[in-house]
Amino acid sequence: MPESIAVICGATAGVGRATAEAFATAGYRVALIARGEQGLRDTREQLQALGATVLAISADVADAKALDTAASRIESELGPIDVWVNAAMATVFGPFASLTAEEIRRVTEVTYLGSVHGTLTALRHMRPRNRGTIVQVGSALAYRAIPLQSAYCGAKFAIRGFIDSLRCELIHDNSAIRLSMVQLPAHNTPQFDWARNKIGWRAQPVPPIHTAEVAARAILRAAHEAPRELWVGTASLKAIIGTLFMPGLLDRMLARQAWDGQLVPERVPENRPDNLFEPVEGLHSTDGRFGDQAQSHALTISAANVGKLALGAGAVLALGAGWALGRRRR
């Protein structure tokens, strides 16, 4: 049988790069899509050293036509696309009042519209064959927003709504194309050194922090099993469930803890380049500067199984309450 083909958007650093390596190791032919030429070259060479067939294409996911062109080239040179992974993202660290409309628009174009464009492109090629899997890299922040990242959280919330709507349409059409969204916790990636920073203090992920390979394994699993959602890490589980039951309490807790919790007591160097509008060459690596804190494993559970566990727990509690009430009456 021919090798399956996976497309990774945002493939040259962090979670995207780790995901590209995971697919290459699993035997896929891999197409890399990102903006930076240096990052594409380095990632391509890394995967080729593993024996993988790799095609690297420079494109901005905010440009829908560029993604269409890239997908046509992938199908022509590698073959039919089996898996499409939307992993590209951009963020700005800072209070909402400090952001400009241009910055918010760019975060939205990359993080939200980039996923929409990628999904549109993937569907154009998958629909005639009625097969394929689209994996959306999400975040616990798609359920529970935090301060200092309003534009990014807004984009992640929007992605979840878009994916849920599209899933309903595919079910209505009896489509065999599969959708899955992976909700991630904090990871040790370079984004904290190249994201635009309006605070002045260096940013960090909110602990617990995980290696990018934790995310990559979950994304590869999502491509194979296509659960509705995969929740990665106990922090994601707590954030998602907590915001369903006590959002107001979490608002107050995060107002106190997640502001300073995202900052390191070190000043951001003046005139530091950021990747909001242009790639920052030289930082295209899988790992960031938090390796000494990064955990290499995390609980990963499908949202469906969380629901089953909740129903089971509810049934046990109900039975226990009924038993206790019966004893009291006797």
C-alpha atoms as a PDB file:
ATOM      1  CA  MET A   1       0.000   0.000   0.000  1.00  0.00           C
ATOM      2  CA  PRO A   2       1.227   3.556  -0.688  1.00  0.00           C
ATOM      3  CA  GLU A   3       2.339   5.692   2.240  1.00  0.00           C
ATOM      4  CA  SER A   4      -0.269   7.987   3.741  1.00  0.00           C
ATOM      5  CA  ILE A   5       0.260  11.720   3.293  1.00  0.00           C
ATOM      6  CA  ALA A   6      -0.029  14.252   6.109  1.00  0.00           C
ATOM      7  CA  VAL A   7       0.015  18.040   5.792  1.00  0.00           C
ATOM      8  CA  ILE A   8       1.203  20.009   8.832  1.00  0.00           C
ATOM      9  CA  CYS A   9       0.495  23.750   8.887  1.00  0.00           C
ATOM     10  CA  GLY A  10       2.780  25.640  11.245  1.00  0.00           C
ATOM     11  CA  ALA A  11       5.304  22.838  10.889  1.00  0.00           C
ATOM     12  CA  THR A  12       8.649  24.462  11.618  1.00  0.00           C
ATOM     13  CA  ALA A  13       8.626  25.024  15.384  1.00  0.00           C
ATOM     14  CA  GLY A  14       7.126  23.907  18.645  1.00  0.00           C
ATOM     15  CA  VAL A  15       4.102  21.615  18.533  1.00  0.00           C
ATOM     16  CA  GLY A  16       3.908  21.756  14.735  1.00  0.00           C
ATOM     17  CA  ARG A  17       7.495  20.639  14.283  1.00  0.00           C
ATOM     18  CA  ALA A  18       7.158  17.859  16.857  1.00  0.00           C
ATOM     19  CA  THR A  19       3.991  16.749  15.069  1.00  0.00           C
ATOM     20  CA  ALA A  20       5.753  16.650  11.706  1.00  0.00           C
ATOM     21  CA  GLU A  21       8.445  14.440  13.251  1.00  0.00           C
ATOM     22  CA  ALA A  22       5.814  12.163  14.814  1.00  0.00           C
ATOM     23  CA  PHE A  23       4.076  11.633  11.465  1.00  0.00           C
ATOM     24  CA  ALA A  24       7.383  11.076   9.677  1.00  0.00           C
ATOM     25  CA  THR A  25       8.415   8.495  12.274  1.00  0.00           C
ATOM     26  CA  ALA A  26       5.022   6.795  11.857  1.00  0.00           C
ATOM     27  CA  GLY A  27       5.734   6.281   8.148  1.00  0.00           C
ATOM     28  CA  TYR A  28       3.806   9.164   6.574  1.00  0.00           C
ATOM     29  CA  ARG A  29       4.957  11.271   3.688  1.00  0.00           C
ATOM     30  CA  VAL A  30       4.906  14.748   5.193  1.00  0.00           C
ATOM     31  CA  ALA A  31       4.161  18.133   3.651  1.00  0.00           C
ATOM     32  CA  LEU A  32       5.381  21.093   5.706  1.00  0.00           C
ATOM     33  CA  ILE A  33       3.656  24.473   5.423  1.00  0.00           C
ATOM     34  CA  ALA A  34       5.074  27.552   7.156  1.00  0.00           C
ATOM     35  CA  ARG A  35       6.374  31.012   6.289  1.00  0.00           C
ATOM     36  CA  GLY A  36      10.063  30.913   7.181  1.00  0.00           C
ATOM     37  CA  GLU A  37      12.452  29.476   4.600  1.00  0.00           C
ATOM     38  CA  GLN A  38      15.146  28.661   7.145  1.00  0.00           C
ATOM     39  CA  GLY A  39      12.736  26.843   9.429  1.00  0.00           C
ATOM     40  CA  LEU A  40      11.329  24.881   6.487  1.00  0.00           C
ATOM     41  CA  ARG A  41      14.806  23.902   5.344  1.00  0.00           C
ATOM     42  CA  ASP A  42      15.903  22.808   8.816  1.00  0.00           C
ATOM     43  CA  THR A  43      12.724  20.821   9.467  1.00  0.00           C
ATOM     44  CA  ARG A  44      12.862  19.154   6.045  1.00  0.00           C
ATOM     45  CA  GLU A  45      16.454  18.056   6.637  1.00  0.00           C
ATOM     46  CA  GLN A  46      15.560  16.752  10.111  1.00  0.00           C
ATOM     47  CA  LEU A  47      12.743  14.594   8.727  1.00  0.00           C
ATOM     48  CA  GLN A  48      14.732  13.418   5.732  1.00  0.00           C
ATOM     49  CA  ALA A  49      17.400  12.190   8.139  1.00  0.00           C
ATOM     50  CA  LEU A  50      14.688   9.917   9.552  1.00  0.00           C
ATOM     51  CA  GLY A  51      14.137   8.492   6.073  1.00  0.00           C
ATOM     52  CA  ALA A  52      10.897  10.363   5.398  1.00  0.00           C
ATOM     53  CA  THR A  53       9.687  11.776   2.094  1.00  0.00           C
ATOM     54  CA  VAL A  54       9.189  15.489   2.724  1.00  0.00           C
ATOM     55  CA  LEU A  55       7.854  18.434   0.740  1.00  0.00           C
ATOM     56  CA  ALA A  56       8.364  21.904   2.246  1.00  0.00           C
ATOM     57  CA  ILE A  57       6.255  24.833   1.018  1.00  0.00           C
ATOM     58  CA  SER A  58       6.471  28.451   2.119  1.00  0.00           C
ATOM     59  CA  ALA A  59       2.969  29.850   2.625  1.00  0.00           C
ATOM     60  CA  ASP A  60       1.107  32.057   5.072  1.00  0.00           C
ATOM     61  CA  VAL A  61      -2.015  30.302   6.391  1.00  0.00           C
ATOM     62  CA  ALA A  62      -3.722  33.700   6.496  1.00  0.00           C
ATOM     63  CA  ASP A  63      -3.589  33.631   2.672  1.00  0.00           C
ATOM     64  CA  ALA A  64      -6.309  31.253   1.480  1.00  0.00           C
ATOM     65  CA  LYS A  65      -5.104  31.262  -2.132  1.00  0.00           C
ATOM     66  CA  ALA A  66      -1.569  30.374  -1.047  1.00  0.00           C
ATOM     67  CA  LEU A  67      -2.896  27.341   0.834  1.00  0.00           C
ATOM     68  CA  ASP A  68      -4.929  26.245  -2.198  1.00  0.00           C
ATOM     69  CA  THR A  69      -1.817  26.469  -4.354  1.00  0.00           C
ATOM     70  CA  ALA A  70       0.210  24.551  -1.773  1.00  0.00           C
ATOM     71  CA  ALA A  71      -2.390  21.764  -1.563  1.00  0.00           C
ATOM     72  CA  SER A  72      -2.490  21.372  -5.341  1.00  0.00           C
ATOM     73  CA  ARG A  73       1.277  21.026  -5.381  1.00  0.00           C
ATOM     74  CA  ILE A  74       1.178  18.471  -2.545  1.00  0.00           C
ATOM     75  CA  GLU A  75      -1.361  16.320  -4.371  1.00  0.00           C
ATOM     76  CA  SER A  76       0.648  16.560  -7.564  1.00  0.00           C
ATOM     77  CA  GLU A  77       4.036  15.737  -6.033  1.00  0.00           C
ATOM     78  CA  LEU A  78       3.185  13.471  -3.077  1.00  0.00           C
ATOM     79  CA  GLY A  79      -0.307  12.156  -3.778  1.00  0.00           C
ATOM     80  CA  PRO A  80      -3.793  12.367  -2.204  1.00  0.00           C
ATOM     81  CA  ILE A  81      -3.876  14.110   1.172  1.00  0.00           C
ATOM     82  CA  ASP A  82      -4.999  11.750   3.951  1.00  0.00           C
ATOM     83  CA  VAL A  83      -4.470  13.944   7.034  1.00  0.00           C
ATOM     84  CA  TRP A  84      -4.479  17.724   7.367  1.00  0.00           C
ATOM     85  CA  VAL A  85      -3.279  19.249  10.656  1.00  0.00           C
ATOM     86  CA  ASN A  86      -3.998  22.892  11.484  1.00  0.00           C
ATOM     87  CA  ALA A  87      -1.278  23.827  13.980  1.00  0.00           C
ATOM     88  CA  ALA A  88      -0.286  27.370  12.955  1.00  0.00           C
ATOM     89  CA  MET A  89      -0.834  30.074  15.561  1.00  0.00           C
ATOM     90  CA  ALA A  90       0.093  33.613  16.555  1.00  0.00           C
ATOM     91  CA  THR A  91      -0.470  35.498  19.780  1.00  0.00           C
ATOM     92  CA  VAL A  92       0.248  38.791  21.510  1.00  0.00           C
ATOM     93  CA  PHE A  93       0.957  38.946  25.233  1.00  0.00           C
ATOM     94  CA  GLY A  94      -0.553  42.042  26.813  1.00  0.00           C
ATOM     95  CA  PRO A  95      -3.669  43.579  28.384  1.00  0.00           C
ATOM     96  CA  PHE A  96      -6.454  44.095  25.868  1.00  0.00           C
ATOM     97  CA  ALA A  97      -6.206  47.883  26.233  1.00  0.00           C
ATOM     98  CA  SER A  98      -2.614  47.749  25.006  1.00  0.00           C
ATOM     99  CA  LEU A  99      -3.432  45.909  21.764  1.00  0.00           C
ATOM    100  CA  THR A 100      -4.040  47.567  18.422  1.00  0.00           C
ATOM    101  CA  ALA A 101      -6.754  46.619  15.961  1.00  0.00           C
ATOM    102  CA  GLU A 102      -4.038  45.569  13.519  1.00  0.00           C
ATOM    103  CA  GLU A 103      -2.491  43.163  16.059  1.00  0.00           C
ATOM    104  CA  ILE A 104      -5.843  41.623  16.938  1.00  0.00           C
ATOM    105  CA  ARG A 105      -6.670  41.213  13.256  1.00  0.00           C
ATOM    106  CA  ARG A 106      -3.384  39.453  12.569  1.00  0.00           C
ATOM    107  CA  VAL A 107      -3.756  37.019  15.490  1.00  0.00           C
ATOM    108  CA  THR A 108      -7.266  36.247  14.248  1.00  0.00           C
ATOM    109  CA  GLU A 109      -6.140  35.824  10.636  1.00  0.00           C
ATOM    110  CA  VAL A 110      -3.413  33.347  11.548  1.00  0.00           C
ATOM    111  CA  THR A 111      -4.927  31.428  14.457  1.00  0.00           C
ATOM    112  CA  TYR A 112      -8.608  31.357  13.483  1.00  0.00           C
ATOM    113  CA  LEU A 113      -8.834  32.098   9.768  1.00  0.00           C
ATOM    114  CA  GLY A 114      -5.679  30.086   9.128  1.00  0.00           C
ATOM    115  CA  SER A 115      -7.520  27.037  10.478  1.00  0.00           C
ATOM    116  CA  VAL A 116     -10.610  27.893   8.451  1.00  0.00           C
ATOM    117  CA  HIS A 117      -8.540  28.300   5.276  1.00  0.00           C
ATOM    118  CA  GLY A 118      -6.714  25.030   5.922  1.00  0.00           C
ATOM    119  CA  THR A 119      -9.967  23.188   6.500  1.00  0.00           C
ATOM    120  CA  LEU A 120     -11.562  24.633   3.354  1.00  0.00           C
ATOM    121  CA  THR A 121      -8.541  23.577   1.334  1.00  0.00           C
ATOM    122  CA  ALA A 122      -8.461  20.091   2.823  1.00  0.00           C
ATOM    123  CA  LEU A 123     -12.162  19.562   2.186  1.00  0.00           C
ATOM    124  CA  ARG A 124     -11.859  20.572  -1.472  1.00  0.00           C
ATOM    125  CA  HIS A 125      -9.471  17.693  -1.998  1.00  0.00           C
ATOM    126  CA  MET A 126     -11.027  15.180   0.401  1.00  0.00           C
ATOM    127  CA  ARG A 127     -14.683  15.557  -0.584  1.00  0.00           C
ATOM    128  CA  PRO A 128     -14.423  14.011  -4.076  1.00  0.00           C
ATOM    129  CA  ARG A 129     -12.776  10.944  -2.482  1.00  0.00           C
ATOM    130  CA  ASN A 130     -15.077  11.025   0.579  1.00  0.00           C
ATOM    131  CA  ARG A 131     -12.224  10.236   2.925  1.00  0.00           C
ATOM    132  CA  GLY A 132      -9.593  11.969   5.015  1.00  0.00           C
ATOM    133  CA  THR A 133      -9.047  13.339   8.507  1.00  0.00           C
ATOM    134  CA  ILE A 134      -8.686  16.962   9.583  1.00  0.00           C
ATOM    135  CA  VAL A 135      -7.077  17.508  12.992  1.00  0.00           C
ATOM    136  CA  GLN A 136      -7.435  20.891  14.630  1.00  0.00           C
ATOM    137  CA  VAL A 137      -4.829  21.777  17.250  1.00  0.00           C
ATOM    138  CA  GLY A 138      -6.828  23.469  19.960  1.00  0.00           C
ATOM    139  CA  SER A 139      -6.172  24.438  23.544  1.00  0.00           C
ATOM    140  CA  ALA A 140      -7.724  24.379  26.968  1.00  0.00           C
ATOM    141  CA  LEU A 141      -7.948  28.121  26.235  1.00  0.00           C
ATOM    142  CA  ALA A 142     -10.694  27.265  23.731  1.00  0.00           C
ATOM    143  CA  TYR A 143     -12.861  26.643  26.815  1.00  0.00           C
ATOM    144  CA  ARG A 144     -11.251  28.702  29.584  1.00  0.00           C
ATOM    145  CA  ALA A 145      -9.817  32.073  28.591  1.00  0.00           C
ATOM    146  CA  ILE A 146      -7.031  33.700  30.600  1.00  0.00           C
ATOM    147  CA  PRO A 147      -5.848  37.297  30.982  1.00  0.00           C
ATOM    148  CA  LEU A 148      -3.124  38.816  28.763  1.00  0.00           C
ATOM    149  CA  GLN A 149      -4.063  36.674  25.731  1.00  0.00           C
ATOM    150  CA  SER A 150      -7.492  37.962  24.740  1.00  0.00           C
ATOM    151  CA  ALA A 151      -6.900  37.863  20.968  1.00  0.00           C
ATOM    152  CA  TYR A 152      -5.532  34.308  21.049  1.00  0.00           C
ATOM    153  CA  CYS A 153      -8.246  33.006  23.382  1.00  0.00           C
ATOM    154  CA  GLY A 154     -10.907  34.600  21.195  1.00  0.00           C
ATOM    155  CA  ALA A 155      -9.464  32.860  18.140  1.00  0.00           C
ATOM    156  CA  LYS A 156      -9.354  29.469  19.890  1.00  0.00           C
ATOM    157  CA  PHE A 157     -12.972  29.834  21.040  1.00  0.00           C
ATOM    158  CA  ALA A 158     -13.929  30.700  17.457  1.00  0.00           C
ATOM    159  CA  ILE A 159     -12.178  27.605  16.106  1.00  0.00           C
ATOM    160  CA  ARG A 160     -14.126  25.345  18.438  1.00  0.00           C
ATOM    161  CA  GLY A 161     -17.424  26.855  17.322  1.00  0.00           C
ATOM    162  CA  PHE A 162     -16.455  26.572  13.667  1.00  0.00           C
ATOM    163  CA  ILE A 163     -15.373  22.929  14.015  1.00  0.00           C
ATOM    164  CA  ASP A 164     -18.563  21.973  15.887  1.00  0.00           C
ATOM    165  CA  SER A 165     -20.702  23.564  13.182  1.00  0.00           C
ATOM    166  CA  LEU A 166     -18.774  21.892  10.371  1.00  0.00           C
ATOM    167  CA  ARG A 167     -18.979  18.522  12.116  1.00  0.00           C
ATOM    168  CA  CYS A 168     -22.783  18.785  12.139  1.00  0.00           C
ATOM    169  CA  GLU A 169     -22.770  19.554   8.413  1.00  0.00           C
ATOM    170  CA  LEU A 170     -20.567  16.573   7.606  1.00  0.00           C
ATOM    171  CA  ILE A 171     -22.844  14.298   9.627  1.00  0.00           C
ATOM    172  CA  HIS A 172     -25.855  15.747   7.775  1.00  0.00           C
ATOM    173  CA  ASP A 173     -24.158  14.959   4.452  1.00  0.00           C
ATOM    174  CA  ASN A 174     -23.261  11.405   5.555  1.00  0.00           C
ATOM    175  CA  SER A 175     -19.638  12.299   4.851  1.00  0.00           C
ATOM    176  CA  ALA A 176     -16.872   9.866   5.754  1.00  0.00           C
ATOM    177  CA  ILE A 177     -14.430  12.755   6.319  1.00  0.00           C
ATOM    178  CA  ARG A 178     -13.413  12.879   9.965  1.00  0.00           C
ATOM    179  CA  LEU A 179     -12.859  15.896  12.233  1.00  0.00           C
ATOM    180  CA  SER A 180     -10.973  15.884  15.516  1.00  0.00           C
ATOM    181  CA  MET A 181      -9.836  18.665  17.848  1.00  0.00           C
ATOM    182  CA  VAL A 182      -7.004  18.267  20.367  1.00  0.00           C
ATOM    183  CA  GLN A 183      -7.222  20.553  23.407  1.00  0.00           C
ATOM    184  CA  LEU A 184      -3.699  21.138  24.705  1.00  0.00           C
ATOM    185  CA  PRO A 185      -2.226  22.346  28.009  1.00  0.00           C
ATOM    186  CA  ALA A 186       0.956  24.436  28.304  1.00  0.00           C
ATOM    187  CA  HIS A 187       3.977  23.302  26.295  1.00  0.00           C
ATOM    188  CA  ASN A 188       7.661  24.141  26.186  1.00  0.00           C
ATOM    189  CA  THR A 189       7.920  25.818  22.768  1.00  0.00           C
ATOM    190  CA  PRO A 190       9.741  28.872  21.359  1.00  0.00           C
ATOM    191  CA  GLN A 191       6.528  30.893  21.054  1.00  0.00           C
ATOM    192  CA  PHE A 192       7.224  32.663  24.334  1.00  0.00           C
ATOM    193  CA  ASP A 193      10.422  34.124  22.884  1.00  0.00           C
ATOM    194  CA  TRP A 194       9.063  35.214  19.525  1.00  0.00           C
ATOM    195  CA  ALA A 195       5.469  36.209  20.253  1.00  0.00           C
ATOM    196  CA  ARG A 196       4.808  39.947  20.358  1.00  0.00           C
ATOM    197  CA  ASN A 197       5.025  41.153  23.949  1.00  0.00           C
ATOM    198  CA  LYS A 198       3.283  44.350  25.115  1.00  0.00           C
ATOM    199  CA  ILE A 199       3.991  43.786  28.819  1.00  0.00           C
ATOM    200  CA  GLY A 200       7.734  44.320  29.020  1.00  0.00           C
ATOM    201  CA  TRP A 201       8.367  41.210  31.128  1.00  0.00           C
ATOM    202  CA  ARG A 202       9.298  37.872  29.560  1.00  0.00           C
ATOM    203  CA  ALA A 203       6.386  35.488  29.155  1.00  0.00           C
ATOM    204  CA  GLN A 204       6.123  31.868  30.196  1.00  0.00           C
ATOM    205  CA  PRO A 205       3.522  29.075  29.909  1.00  0.00           C
ATOM    206  CA  VAL A 206       1.277  28.532  32.916  1.00  0.00           C
ATOM    207  CA  PRO A 207       2.511  25.375  34.691  1.00  0.00           C
ATOM    208  CA  PRO A 208       2.319  22.425  34.496  1.00  0.00           C
ATOM    209  CA  ILE A 209       4.408  22.530  31.315  1.00  0.00           C
ATOM    210  CA  HIS A 210       4.756  19.616  28.888  1.00  0.00           C
ATOM    211  CA  THR A 211       7.142  18.767  26.081  1.00  0.00           C
ATOM    212  CA  ALA A 212       5.970  19.377  22.521  1.00  0.00           C
ATOM    213  CA  GLU A 213       6.177  15.616  21.936  1.00  0.00           C
ATOM    214  CA  VAL A 214       3.248  15.134  24.337  1.00  0.00           C
ATOM    215  CA  ALA A 215       1.108  17.200  21.992  1.00  0.00           C
ATOM    216  CA  ALA A 216       2.505  15.468  18.908  1.00  0.00           C
ATOM    217  CA  ARG A 217       1.558  12.023  20.212  1.00  0.00           C
ATOM    218  CA  ALA A 218      -1.986  13.212  20.904  1.00  0.00           C
ATOM    219  CA  ILE A 219      -2.306  14.738  17.425  1.00  0.00           C
ATOM    220  CA  LEU A 220      -1.073  11.535  15.787  1.00  0.00           C
ATOM    221  CA  ARG A 221      -3.582   9.581  17.878  1.00  0.00           C
ATOM    222  CA  ALA A 222      -6.346  11.961  16.780  1.00  0.00           C
ATOM    223  CA  ALA A 223      -5.398  11.362  13.144  1.00  0.00           C
ATOM    224  CA  HIS A 224      -5.711   7.601  13.636  1.00  0.00           C
ATOM    225  CA  GLU A 225      -8.754   7.380  15.918  1.00  0.00           C
ATOM    226  CA  ALA A 226     -10.571  10.669  15.124  1.00  0.00           C
ATOM    227  CA  PRO A 227     -12.306  11.196  18.478  1.00  0.00           C
ATOM    228  CA  ARG A 228     -14.516  14.262  18.605  1.00  0.00           C
ATOM    229  CA  GLU A 229     -12.022  15.868  20.984  1.00  0.00           C
ATOM    230  CA  LEU A 230      -8.933  14.762  22.878  1.00  0.00           C
ATOM    231  CA  TRP A 231      -8.165  16.534  26.144  1.00  0.00           C
ATOM    232  CA  VAL A 232      -4.470  16.475  27.008  1.00  0.00           C
ATOM    233  CA  GLY A 233      -3.169  16.920  30.549  1.00  0.00           C
ATOM    234  CA  THR A 234      -4.888  17.168  33.903  1.00  0.00           C
ATOM    235  CA  ALA A 235      -4.661  20.974  33.713  1.00  0.00           C
ATOM    236  CA  SER A 236      -6.811  20.954  30.565  1.00  0.00           C
ATOM    237  CA  LEU A 237      -9.280  18.593  32.178  1.00  0.00           C
ATOM    238  CA  LYS A 238      -9.588  20.802  35.254  1.00  0.00           C
ATOM    239  CA  ALA A 239      -9.858  24.013  33.220  1.00  0.00           C
ATOM    240  CA  ILE A 240     -12.522  22.679  30.859  1.00  0.00           C
ATOM    241  CA  ILE A 241     -14.671  21.012  33.503  1.00  0.00           C
ATOM    242  CA  GLY A 242     -14.133  23.816  36.000  1.00  0.00           C
ATOM    243  CA  THR A 243     -15.337  26.507  33.616  1.00  0.00           C
ATOM    244  CA  LEU A 244     -18.499  24.480  32.897  1.00  0.00           C
ATOM    245  CA  PHE A 245     -19.465  24.413  36.571  1.00  0.00           C
ATOM    246  CA  MET A 246     -17.902  27.488  38.194  1.00  0.00           C
ATOM    247  CA  PRO A 247     -16.856  30.061  35.582  1.00  0.00           C
ATOM    248  CA  GLY A 248     -17.206  33.030  37.924  1.00  0.00           C
ATOM    249  CA  LEU A 249     -14.932  31.493  40.525  1.00  0.00           C
ATOM    250  CA  LEU A 250     -12.335  30.738  37.842  1.00  0.00           C
ATOM    251  CA  ASP A 251     -12.567  34.345  36.615  1.00  0.00           C
ATOM    252  CA  ARG A 252     -11.513  35.559  40.035  1.00  0.00           C
ATOM    253  CA  MET A 253      -8.857  32.885  40.518  1.00  0.00           C
ATOM    254  CA  LEU A 254      -7.262  33.602  37.136  1.00  0.00           C
ATOM    255  CA  ALA A 255      -7.400  37.354  37.735  1.00  0.00           C
ATOM    256  CA  ARG A 256      -5.208  36.758  40.796  1.00  0.00           C
ATOM    257  CA  GLN A 257      -2.987  33.926  39.582  1.00  0.00           C
ATOM    258  CA  ALA A 258      -2.771  33.823  35.778  1.00  0.00           C
ATOM    259  CA  TRP A 259      -1.532  37.407  35.316  1.00  0.00           C
ATOM    260  CA  ASP A 260       1.758  37.115  37.211  1.00  0.00           C
ATOM    261  CA  GLY A 261       1.798  33.368  36.504  1.00  0.00           C
ATOM    262  CA  GLN A 262       2.507  34.090  32.829  1.00  0.00           C
ATOM    263  CA  LEU A 263       5.421  36.425  33.543  1.00  0.00           C
ATOM    264  CA  VAL A 264       9.081  35.907  34.374  1.00  0.00           C
ATOM    265  CA  PRO A 265      10.863  38.632  36.398  1.00  0.00           C
ATOM    266  CA  GLU A 266      13.132  39.442  33.467  1.00  0.00           C
ATOM    267  CA  ARG A 267      12.766  42.375  31.104  1.00  0.00           C
ATOM    268  CA  VAL A 268      12.150  41.749  27.407  1.00  0.00           C
ATOM    269  CA  PRO A 269      15.189  43.004  25.435  1.00  0.00           C
ATOM    270  CA  GLU A 270      14.505  46.230  23.579  1.00  0.00           C
ATOM    271  CA  ASN A 271      13.840  45.916  19.841  1.00  0.00           C
ATOM    272  CA  ARG A 272      13.376  42.143  20.156  1.00  0.00           C
ATOM    273  CA  PRO A 273      11.930  40.836  16.857  1.00  0.00           C
ATOM    274  CA  ASP A 274       8.598  39.009  16.921  1.00  0.00           C
ATOM    275  CA  ASN A 275       6.839  36.741  14.462  1.00  0.00           C
ATOM    276  CA  LEU A 276       3.426  38.391  14.282  1.00  0.00           C
ATOM    277  CA  PHE A 277       3.874  39.712  10.752  1.00  0.00           C
ATOM    278  CA  GLU A 278       7.192  38.187   9.671  1.00  0.00           C
ATOM    279  CA  PRO A 279       8.945  34.940  10.660  1.00  0.00           C
ATOM    280  CA  VAL A 280      11.818  35.219  13.137  1.00  0.00           C
ATOM    281  CA  GLU A 281      14.709  33.204  11.770  1.00  0.00           C
ATOM    282  CA  GLY A 282      16.913  31.353  14.222  1.00  0.00           C
ATOM    283  CA  LEU A 283      14.194  30.302  16.680  1.00  0.00           C
ATOM    284  CA  HIS A 284      12.656  27.493  14.642  1.00  0.00           C
ATOM    285  CA  SER A 285      13.146  24.692  17.120  1.00  0.00           C
ATOM    286  CA  THR A 286      10.854  22.215  18.799  1.00  0.00           C
ATOM    287  CA  ASP A 287      11.698  23.207  22.367  1.00  0.00           C
ATOM    288  CA  GLY A 288      11.696  26.488  24.231  1.00  0.00           C
ATOM    289  CA  ARG A 289      13.625  27.549  27.333  1.00  0.00           C
ATOM    290  CA  PHE A 290      11.580  25.628  29.902  1.00  0.00           C
ATOM    291  CA  GLY A 291      13.040  22.163  29.404  1.00  0.00           C
ATOM    292  CA  ASP A 292      13.896  21.746  33.078  1.00  0.00           C
ATOM    293  CA  GLN A 293      10.178  22.072  33.919  1.00  0.00           C
ATOM    294  CA  ALA A 294       8.687  20.144  30.996  1.00  0.00           C
ATOM    295  CA  GLN A 295       6.906  16.852  31.654  1.00  0.00           C
ATOM    296  CA  SER A 296       7.249  14.161  28.980  1.00  0.00           C
ATOM    297  CA  HIS A 297       3.915  12.453  29.654  1.00  0.00           C
ATOM    298  CA  ALA A 298       0.339  13.595  30.232  1.00  0.00           C
ATOM    299  CA  LEU A 299      -3.087  12.076  30.732  1.00  0.00           C
ATOM    300  CA  THR A 300      -4.885  12.076  27.375  1.00  0.00           C
ATOM    301  CA  ILE A 301      -8.578  11.265  27.280  1.00  0.00           C
ATOM    302  CA  SER A 302     -11.348  11.707  24.740  1.00  0.00           C
ATOM    303  CA  ALA A 303     -14.183  14.063  25.627  1.00  0.00           C
ATOM    304  CA  ALA A 304     -16.615  11.180  25.080  1.00  0.00           C
ATOM    305  CA  ASN A 305     -14.889   9.142  27.765  1.00  0.00           C
ATOM    306  CA  VAL A 306     -14.971  12.103  30.133  1.00  0.00           C
ATOM    307  CA  GLY A 307     -18.727  12.212  29.608  1.00  0.00           C
ATOM    308  CA  LYS A 308     -19.054   8.486  30.283  1.00  0.00           C
ATOM    309  CA  LEU A 309     -17.004   8.820  33.461  1.00  0.00           C
ATOM    310  CA  ALA A 310     -19.168  11.729  34.603  1.00  0.00           C
ATOM    311  CA  LEU A 311     -22.350   9.742  33.957  1.00  0.00           C
ATOM    312  CA  GLY A 312     -20.880   6.769  35.801  1.00  0.00           C
ATOM    313  CA  ALA A 313     -19.909   8.902  38.754  1.00  0.00           C
ATOM    314  CA  GLY A 314     -23.355  10.467  38.778  1.00  0.00           C
ATOM    315  CA  ALA A 315     -24.998   7.046  38.754  1.00  0.00           C
ATOM    316  CA  VAL A 316     -22.808   5.857  41.628  1.00  0.00           C
ATOM    317  CA  LEU A 317     -23.662   8.965  43.656  1.00  0.00           C
ATOM    318  CA  ALA A 318     -27.362   8.520  42.924  1.00  0.00           C
ATOM    319  CA  LEU A 319     -27.255   4.870  43.997  1.00  0.00           C
ATOM    320  CA  GLY A 320     -25.349   5.804  47.121  1.00  0.00           C
ATOM    321  CA  ALA A 321     -27.840   8.516  47.991  1.00  0.00           C
ATOM    322  CA  GLY A 322     -30.747   6.128  47.407  1.00  0.00           C
ATOM    323  CA  TRP A 323     -29.152   3.472  49.594  1.00  0.00           C
ATOM    324  CA  ALA A 324     -28.510   5.977  52.385  1.00  0.00           C
ATOM    325  CA  LEU A 325     -32.084   7.305  52.163  1.00  0.00           C
ATOM    326  CA  GLY A 326     -33.450   3.778  52.287  1.00  0.00           C
ATOM    327  CA  ARG A 327     -31.462   2.980  55.423  1.00  0.00           C
ATOM    328  CA  ARG A 328     -32.714   6.151  57.119  1.00  0.00           C
ATOM    329  CA  ARG A 329     -36.329   5.213  56.368  1.00  0.00           C
ATOM    330  CA  ARG A 330     -35.806   1.750  57.802  1.00  0.00           C
END
